[in-house]
């Protein structure tokens, strides 16, 4: 999940600081989410997804992960 967040953020040309300002999530927390999945909650996925413009894909990916359907 974290790698998907990082990939979408980079595809959009956004920095972690931009996502942090847009979501209210600290840069450290976003970095941890991208690096090792720590701190990833549905709320954070929605907030980050809205900031990078890919809420639908991230939510679908998160659901597959929690069901055990994705890697």
PDB file of N, CA and C in Angstrom:
ATOM      1  N   UNK A   1       0.827  -1.187   0.000  1.00  0.00           N
ATOM      2  CA  UNK A   1       0.000   0.000   0.000  1.00  0.00           C
ATOM      3  C   UNK A   1       0.868   1.246   0.000  1.00  0.00           C
ATOM      4  N   UNK A   2       1.895   1.233   0.841  1.00  0.00           N
ATOM      5  CA  UNK A   2       2.773   2.395   0.920  1.00  0.00           C
ATOM      6  C   UNK A   2       3.447   2.705  -0.399  1.00  0.00           C
ATOM      7  N   UNK A   3       3.865   1.654  -1.103  1.00  0.00           N
ATOM      8  CA  UNK A   3       4.518   1.883  -2.392  1.00  0.00           C
ATOM      9  C   UNK A   3       3.543   2.459  -3.413  1.00  0.00           C
ATOM     10  N   UNK A   4       2.272   2.097  -3.319  1.00  0.00           N
ATOM     11  CA  UNK A   4       1.264   2.674  -4.219  1.00  0.00           C
ATOM     12  C   UNK A   4       1.087   4.158  -3.930  1.00  0.00           C
ATOM     13  N   UNK A   5       1.071   4.529  -2.648  1.00  0.00           N
ATOM     14  CA  UNK A   5       0.972   5.945  -2.292  1.00  0.00           C
ATOM     15  C   UNK A   5       2.143   6.721  -2.876  1.00  0.00           C
ATOM     16  N   UNK A   6       3.352   6.206  -2.672  1.00  0.00           N
ATOM     17  CA  UNK A   6       4.555   6.879  -3.173  1.00  0.00           C
ATOM     18  C   UNK A   6       4.514   6.996  -4.694  1.00  0.00           C
ATOM     19  N   UNK A   7       4.138   5.913  -5.359  1.00  0.00           N
ATOM     20  CA  UNK A   7       4.098   5.907  -6.814  1.00  0.00           C
ATOM     21  C   UNK A   7       3.142   6.967  -7.353  1.00  0.00           C
ATOM     22  N   UNK A   8       1.933   7.029  -6.814  1.00  0.00           N
ATOM     23  CA  UNK A   8       0.971   8.027  -7.274  1.00  0.00           C
ATOM     24  C   UNK A   8       1.431   9.441  -6.969  1.00  0.00           C
ATOM     25  N   UNK A   9       2.002   9.644  -5.785  1.00  0.00           N
ATOM     26  CA  UNK A   9       2.486  10.981  -5.427  1.00  0.00           C
ATOM     27  C   UNK A   9       3.552  11.433  -6.413  1.00  0.00           C
ATOM     28  N   UNK A  10       4.490  10.541  -6.716  1.00  0.00           N
ATOM     29  CA  UNK A  10       5.571  10.895  -7.634  1.00  0.00           C
ATOM     30  C   UNK A  10       5.060  11.098  -9.057  1.00  0.00           C
ATOM     31  N   UNK A  11       4.093  10.283  -9.486  1.00  0.00           N
ATOM     32  CA  UNK A  11       3.510  10.455 -10.818  1.00  0.00           C
ATOM     33  C   UNK A  11       2.880  11.832 -10.966  1.00  0.00           C
ATOM     34  N   UNK A  12       2.324  12.343  -9.870  1.00  0.00           N
ATOM     35  CA  UNK A  12       1.697  13.666  -9.891  1.00  0.00           C
ATOM     36  C   UNK A  12       2.717  14.783  -9.700  1.00  0.00           C
ATOM     37  N   UNK A  13       3.978  14.417  -9.449  1.00  0.00           N
ATOM     38  CA  UNK A  13       5.021  15.411  -9.246  1.00  0.00           C
ATOM     39  C   UNK A  13       4.896  16.158  -7.929  1.00  0.00           C
ATOM     40  N   UNK A  14       4.323  15.496  -6.917  1.00  0.00           N
ATOM     41  CA  UNK A  14       4.092  16.144  -5.628  1.00  0.00           C
ATOM     42  C   UNK A  14       5.139  15.716  -4.616  1.00  0.00           C
ATOM     43  N   UNK A  15       5.462  16.630  -3.728  1.00  0.00           N
ATOM     44  CA  UNK A  15       6.386  16.345  -2.634  1.00  0.00           C
ATOM     45  C   UNK A  15       5.589  15.982  -1.385  1.00  0.00           C
ATOM     46  N   UNK A  16       6.251  15.291  -0.481  1.00  0.00           N
ATOM     47  CA  UNK A  16       5.604  14.923   0.777  1.00  0.00           C
ATOM     48  C   UNK A  16       5.122  16.168   1.511  1.00  0.00           C
ATOM     49  N   UNK A  17       5.878  17.260   1.434  1.00  0.00           N
ATOM     50  CA  UNK A  17       5.470  18.487   2.130  1.00  0.00           C
ATOM     51  C   UNK A  17       4.140  19.007   1.598  1.00  0.00           C
ATOM     52  N   UNK A  18       3.909  18.886   0.303  1.00  0.00           N
ATOM     53  CA  UNK A  18       2.633  19.321  -0.271  1.00  0.00           C
ATOM     54  C   UNK A  18       1.487  18.476   0.272  1.00  0.00           C
ATOM     55  N   UNK A  19       1.693  17.160   0.298  1.00  0.00           N
ATOM     56  CA  UNK A  19       0.661  16.255   0.807  1.00  0.00           C
ATOM     57  C   UNK A  19       0.400  16.538   2.279  1.00  0.00           C
ATOM     58  N   UNK A  20       1.456  16.805   3.023  1.00  0.00           N
ATOM     59  CA  UNK A  20       1.318  17.112   4.447  1.00  0.00           C
ATOM     60  C   UNK A  20       0.456  18.350   4.662  1.00  0.00           C
ATOM     61  N   UNK A  21       0.743  19.399   3.918  1.00  0.00           N
ATOM     62  CA  UNK A  21      -0.047  20.635   4.055  1.00  0.00           C
ATOM     63  C   UNK A  21      -1.503  20.409   3.657  1.00  0.00           C
ATOM     64  N   UNK A  22      -1.715  19.630   2.610  1.00  0.00           N
ATOM     65  CA  UNK A  22      -3.070  19.400   2.110  1.00  0.00           C
ATOM     66  C   UNK A  22      -3.898  18.503   3.030  1.00  0.00           C
ATOM     67  N   UNK A  23      -3.230  17.622   3.775  1.00  0.00           N
ATOM     68  CA  UNK A  23      -3.956  16.639   4.577  1.00  0.00           C
ATOM     69  C   UNK A  23      -3.922  16.894   6.076  1.00  0.00           C
ATOM     70  N   UNK A  24      -2.926  17.656   6.526  1.00  0.00           N
ATOM     71  CA  UNK A  24      -2.742  17.832   7.963  1.00  0.00           C
ATOM     72  C   UNK A  24      -2.006  16.672   8.605  1.00  0.00           C
ATOM     73  N   UNK A  25      -1.512  15.751   7.795  1.00  0.00           N
ATOM     74  CA  UNK A  25      -0.719  14.619   8.276  1.00  0.00           C
ATOM     75  C   UNK A  25       0.746  15.040   8.214  1.00  0.00           C
ATOM     76  N   UNK A  26       1.504  14.764   9.265  1.00  0.00           N
ATOM     77  CA  UNK A  26       2.904  15.203   9.296  1.00  0.00           C
ATOM     78  C   UNK A  26       3.714  14.556   8.172  1.00  0.00           C
ATOM     79  N   UNK A  27       4.781  15.254   7.768  1.00  0.00           N
ATOM     80  CA  UNK A  27       5.655  14.702   6.733  1.00  0.00           C
ATOM     81  C   UNK A  27       6.274  13.387   7.194  1.00  0.00           C
ATOM     82  N   UNK A  28       6.593  13.307   8.480  1.00  0.00           N
ATOM     83  CA  UNK A  28       7.177  12.074   9.012  1.00  0.00           C
ATOM     84  C   UNK A  28       6.191  10.911   8.899  1.00  0.00           C
ATOM     85  N   UNK A  29       4.927  11.171   9.213  1.00  0.00           N
ATOM     86  CA  UNK A  29       3.908  10.119   9.139  1.00  0.00           C
ATOM     87  C   UNK A  29       3.699   9.665   7.696  1.00  0.00           C
ATOM     88  N   UNK A  30       3.684  10.603   6.762  1.00  0.00           N
ATOM     89  CA  UNK A  30       3.514  10.242   5.355  1.00  0.00           C
ATOM     90  C   UNK A  30       4.709   9.424   4.882  1.00  0.00           C
ATOM     91  N   UNK A  31       5.898   9.837   5.283  1.00  0.00           N
ATOM     92  CA  UNK A  31       7.102   9.093   4.923  1.00  0.00           C
ATOM     93  C   UNK A  31       7.039   7.660   5.453  1.00  0.00           C
ATOM     94  N   UNK A  32       6.590   7.494   6.696  1.00  0.00           N
ATOM     95  CA  UNK A  32       6.453   6.149   7.273  1.00  0.00           C
ATOM     96  C   UNK A  32       5.404   5.331   6.524  1.00  0.00           C
ATOM     97  N   UNK A  33       4.296   5.965   6.163  1.00  0.00           N
ATOM     98  CA  UNK A  33       3.255   5.247   5.423  1.00  0.00           C
ATOM     99  C   UNK A  33       3.815   4.735   4.100  1.00  0.00           C
ATOM    100  N   UNK A  34       4.576   5.583   3.410  1.00  0.00           N
ATOM    101  CA  UNK A  34       5.135   5.184   2.123  1.00  0.00           C
ATOM    102  C   UNK A  34       6.231   4.129   2.269  1.00  0.00           C
ATOM    103  N   UNK A  35       7.027   4.228   3.316  1.00  0.00           N
ATOM    104  CA  UNK A  35       8.173   3.337   3.474  1.00  0.00           C
ATOM    105  C   UNK A  35       7.793   1.942   3.962  1.00  0.00           C
ATOM    106  N   UNK A  36       6.902   1.886   4.947  1.00  0.00           N
ATOM    107  CA  UNK A  36       6.633   0.578   5.548  1.00  0.00           C
ATOM    108  C   UNK A  36       5.173   0.338   5.892  1.00  0.00           C
ATOM    109  N   UNK A  37       4.301   1.213   5.447  1.00  0.00           N
ATOM    110  CA  UNK A  37       2.876   1.007   5.683  1.00  0.00           C
ATOM    111  C   UNK A  37       2.389   1.396   7.059  1.00  0.00           C
ATOM    112  N   UNK A  38       3.274   1.876   7.925  1.00  0.00           N
ATOM    113  CA  UNK A  38       2.853   2.270   9.274  1.00  0.00           C
ATOM    114  C   UNK A  38       1.973   3.512   9.206  1.00  0.00           C
ATOM    115  N   UNK A  39       0.900   3.484   9.987  1.00  0.00           N
ATOM    116  CA  UNK A  39       0.012   4.632  10.066  1.00  0.00           C
ATOM    117  C   UNK A  39      -1.040   4.684   8.977  1.00  0.00           C
ATOM    118  N   UNK A  40      -1.091   3.648   8.148  1.00  0.00           N
ATOM    119  CA  UNK A  40      -2.097   3.647   7.088  1.00  0.00           C
ATOM    120  C   UNK A  40      -3.429   3.220   7.689  1.00  0.00           C
ATOM    121  N   UNK A  41      -4.364   4.139   7.663  1.00  0.00           N
ATOM    122  CA  UNK A  41      -5.736   3.878   8.087  1.00  0.00           C
ATOM    123  C   UNK A  41      -6.647   4.265   6.937  1.00  0.00           C
ATOM    124  N   UNK A  42      -7.891   3.862   6.998  1.00  0.00           N
ATOM    125  CA  UNK A  42      -8.825   4.273   5.945  1.00  0.00           C
ATOM    126  C   UNK A  42      -8.917   5.786   5.865  1.00  0.00           C
ATOM    127  N   UNK A  43      -8.942   6.437   7.025  1.00  0.00           N
ATOM    128  CA  UNK A  43      -9.011   7.899   7.031  1.00  0.00           C
ATOM    129  C   UNK A  43      -7.791   8.503   6.340  1.00  0.00           C
ATOM    130  N   UNK A  44      -6.599   8.002   6.666  1.00  0.00           N
ATOM    131  CA  UNK A  44      -5.392   8.540   6.044  1.00  0.00           C
ATOM    132  C   UNK A  44      -5.341   8.249   4.551  1.00  0.00           C
ATOM    133  N   UNK A  45      -5.804   7.068   4.151  1.00  0.00           N
ATOM    134  CA  UNK A  45      -5.850   6.749   2.724  1.00  0.00           C
ATOM    135  C   UNK A  45      -6.746   7.739   1.995  1.00  0.00           C
ATOM    136  N   UNK A  46      -7.904   8.018   2.558  1.00  0.00           N
ATOM    137  CA  UNK A  46      -8.813   8.980   1.931  1.00  0.00           C
ATOM    138  C   UNK A  46      -8.197  10.365   1.854  1.00  0.00           C
ATOM    139  N   UNK A  47      -7.585  10.807   2.946  1.00  0.00           N
ATOM    140  CA  UNK A  47      -6.990  12.143   2.975  1.00  0.00           C
ATOM    141  C   UNK A  47      -5.858  12.275   1.961  1.00  0.00           C
ATOM    142  N   UNK A  48      -4.970  11.299   1.944  1.00  0.00           N
ATOM    143  CA  UNK A  48      -3.853  11.342   0.997  1.00  0.00           C
ATOM    144  C   UNK A  48      -4.368  11.153  -0.426  1.00  0.00           C
ATOM    145  N   UNK A  49      -5.296  10.235  -0.614  1.00  0.00           N
ATOM    146  CA  UNK A  49      -5.871  10.010  -1.937  1.00  0.00           C
ATOM    147  C   UNK A  49      -6.513  11.254  -2.515  1.00  0.00           C
ATOM    148  N   UNK A  50      -7.242  11.992  -1.693  1.00  0.00           N
ATOM    149  CA  UNK A  50      -7.843  13.242  -2.154  1.00  0.00           C
ATOM    150  C   UNK A  50      -6.766  14.249  -2.529  1.00  0.00           C
ATOM    151  N   UNK A  51      -5.705  14.308  -1.743  1.00  0.00           N
ATOM    152  CA  UNK A  51      -4.633  15.269  -2.006  1.00  0.00           C
ATOM    153  C   UNK A  51      -3.901  14.964  -3.313  1.00  0.00           C
ATOM    154  N   UNK A  52      -3.781  13.679  -3.667  1.00  0.00           N
ATOM    155  CA  UNK A  52      -3.072  13.341  -4.901  1.00  0.00           C
ATOM    156  C   UNK A  52      -4.010  12.978  -6.047  1.00  0.00           C
ATOM    157  N   UNK A  53      -5.310  13.015  -5.787  1.00  0.00           N
ATOM    158  CA  UNK A  53      -6.286  12.822  -6.847  1.00  0.00           C
ATOM    159  C   UNK A  53      -6.473  11.386  -7.304  1.00  0.00           C
ATOM    160  N   UNK A  54      -6.347  10.427  -6.405  1.00  0.00           N
ATOM    161  CA  UNK A  54      -6.555   9.026  -6.811  1.00  0.00           C
ATOM    162  C   UNK A  54      -7.253   8.229  -5.716  1.00  0.00           C
ATOM    163  N   UNK A  55      -8.262   8.807  -5.115  1.00  0.00           N
ATOM    164  CA  UNK A  55      -8.977   8.169  -4.016  1.00  0.00           C
ATOM    165  C   UNK A  55      -9.555   6.809  -4.406  1.00  0.00           C
ATOM    166  N   UNK A  56     -10.192   6.721  -5.556  1.00  0.00           N
ATOM    167  CA  UNK A  56     -10.851   5.476  -5.961  1.00  0.00           C
ATOM    168  C   UNK A  56      -9.868   4.319  -6.067  1.00  0.00           C
ATOM    169  N   UNK A  57      -8.749   4.542  -6.745  1.00  0.00           N
ATOM    170  CA  UNK A  57      -7.768   3.469  -6.896  1.00  0.00           C
ATOM    171  C   UNK A  57      -7.199   3.051  -5.552  1.00  0.00           C
ATOM    172  N   UNK A  58      -6.824   4.023  -4.722  1.00  0.00           N
ATOM    173  CA  UNK A  58      -6.230   3.691  -3.428  1.00  0.00           C
ATOM    174  C   UNK A  58      -7.217   2.954  -2.534  1.00  0.00           C
ATOM    175  N   UNK A  59      -8.468   3.360  -2.541  1.00  0.00           N
ATOM    176  CA  UNK A  59      -9.465   2.666  -1.723  1.00  0.00           C
ATOM    177  C   UNK A  59      -9.664   1.239  -2.218  1.00  0.00           C
ATOM    178  N   UNK A  60      -9.733   1.050  -3.520  1.00  0.00           N
ATOM    179  CA  UNK A  60      -9.899  -0.298  -4.064  1.00  0.00           C
ATOM    180  C   UNK A  60      -8.693  -1.164  -3.699  1.00  0.00           C
ATOM    181  N   UNK A  61      -7.503  -0.597  -3.788  1.00  0.00           N
ATOM    182  CA  UNK A  61      -6.289  -1.332  -3.431  1.00  0.00           C
ATOM    183  C   UNK A  61      -6.297  -1.682  -1.944  1.00  0.00           C
ATOM    184  N   UNK A  62      -6.692  -0.741  -1.105  1.00  0.00           N
ATOM    185  CA  UNK A  62      -6.743  -0.985   0.342  1.00  0.00           C
ATOM    186  C   UNK A  62      -7.725  -2.101   0.676  1.00  0.00           C
ATOM    187  N   UNK A  63      -8.869  -2.095   0.033  1.00  0.00           N
ATOM    188  CA  UNK A  63      -9.871  -3.135   0.282  1.00  0.00           C
ATOM    189  C   UNK A  63      -9.323  -4.500  -0.119  1.00  0.00           C
ATOM    190  N   UNK A  64      -8.658  -4.571  -1.272  1.00  0.00           N
ATOM    191  CA  UNK A  64      -8.064  -5.843  -1.700  1.00  0.00           C
ATOM    192  C   UNK A  64      -7.007  -6.315  -0.709  1.00  0.00           C
ATOM    193  N   UNK A  65      -6.200  -5.389  -0.198  1.00  0.00           N
ATOM    194  CA  UNK A  65      -5.176  -5.761   0.784  1.00  0.00           C
ATOM    195  C   UNK A  65      -5.807  -6.325   2.044  1.00  0.00           C
ATOM    196  N   UNK A  66      -6.818  -5.642   2.561  1.00  0.00           N
ATOM    197  CA  UNK A  66      -7.438  -6.087   3.804  1.00  0.00           C
ATOM    198  C   UNK A  66      -8.189  -7.405   3.637  1.00  0.00           C
ATOM    199  N   UNK A  67      -8.649  -7.681   2.434  1.00  0.00           N
ATOM    200  CA  UNK A  67      -9.300  -8.965   2.181  1.00  0.00           C
ATOM    201  C   UNK A  67      -8.280 -10.052   1.899  1.00  0.00           C
ATOM    202  N   UNK A  68      -7.049  -9.657   1.621  1.00  0.00           N
ATOM    203  CA  UNK A  68      -6.003 -10.622   1.304  1.00  0.00           C
ATOM    204  C   UNK A  68      -5.897 -10.939  -0.170  1.00  0.00           C
ATOM    205  N   UNK A  69      -6.516 -10.116  -1.024  1.00  0.00           N
ATOM    206  CA  UNK A  69      -6.515 -10.351  -2.468  1.00  0.00           C
ATOM    207  C   UNK A  69      -5.338  -9.720  -3.195  1.00  0.00           C
ATOM    208  N   UNK A  70      -4.591  -8.846  -2.536  1.00  0.00           N
ATOM    209  CA  UNK A  70      -3.503  -8.129  -3.211  1.00  0.00           C
ATOM    210  C   UNK A  70      -2.224  -8.282  -2.416  1.00  0.00           C
ATOM    211  N   UNK A  71      -1.134  -7.931  -3.057  1.00  0.00           N
ATOM    212  CA  UNK A  71       0.173  -8.002  -2.391  1.00  0.00           C
ATOM    213  C   UNK A  71       0.571  -6.648  -1.881  1.00  0.00           C
TER     214      UNK A  71
END
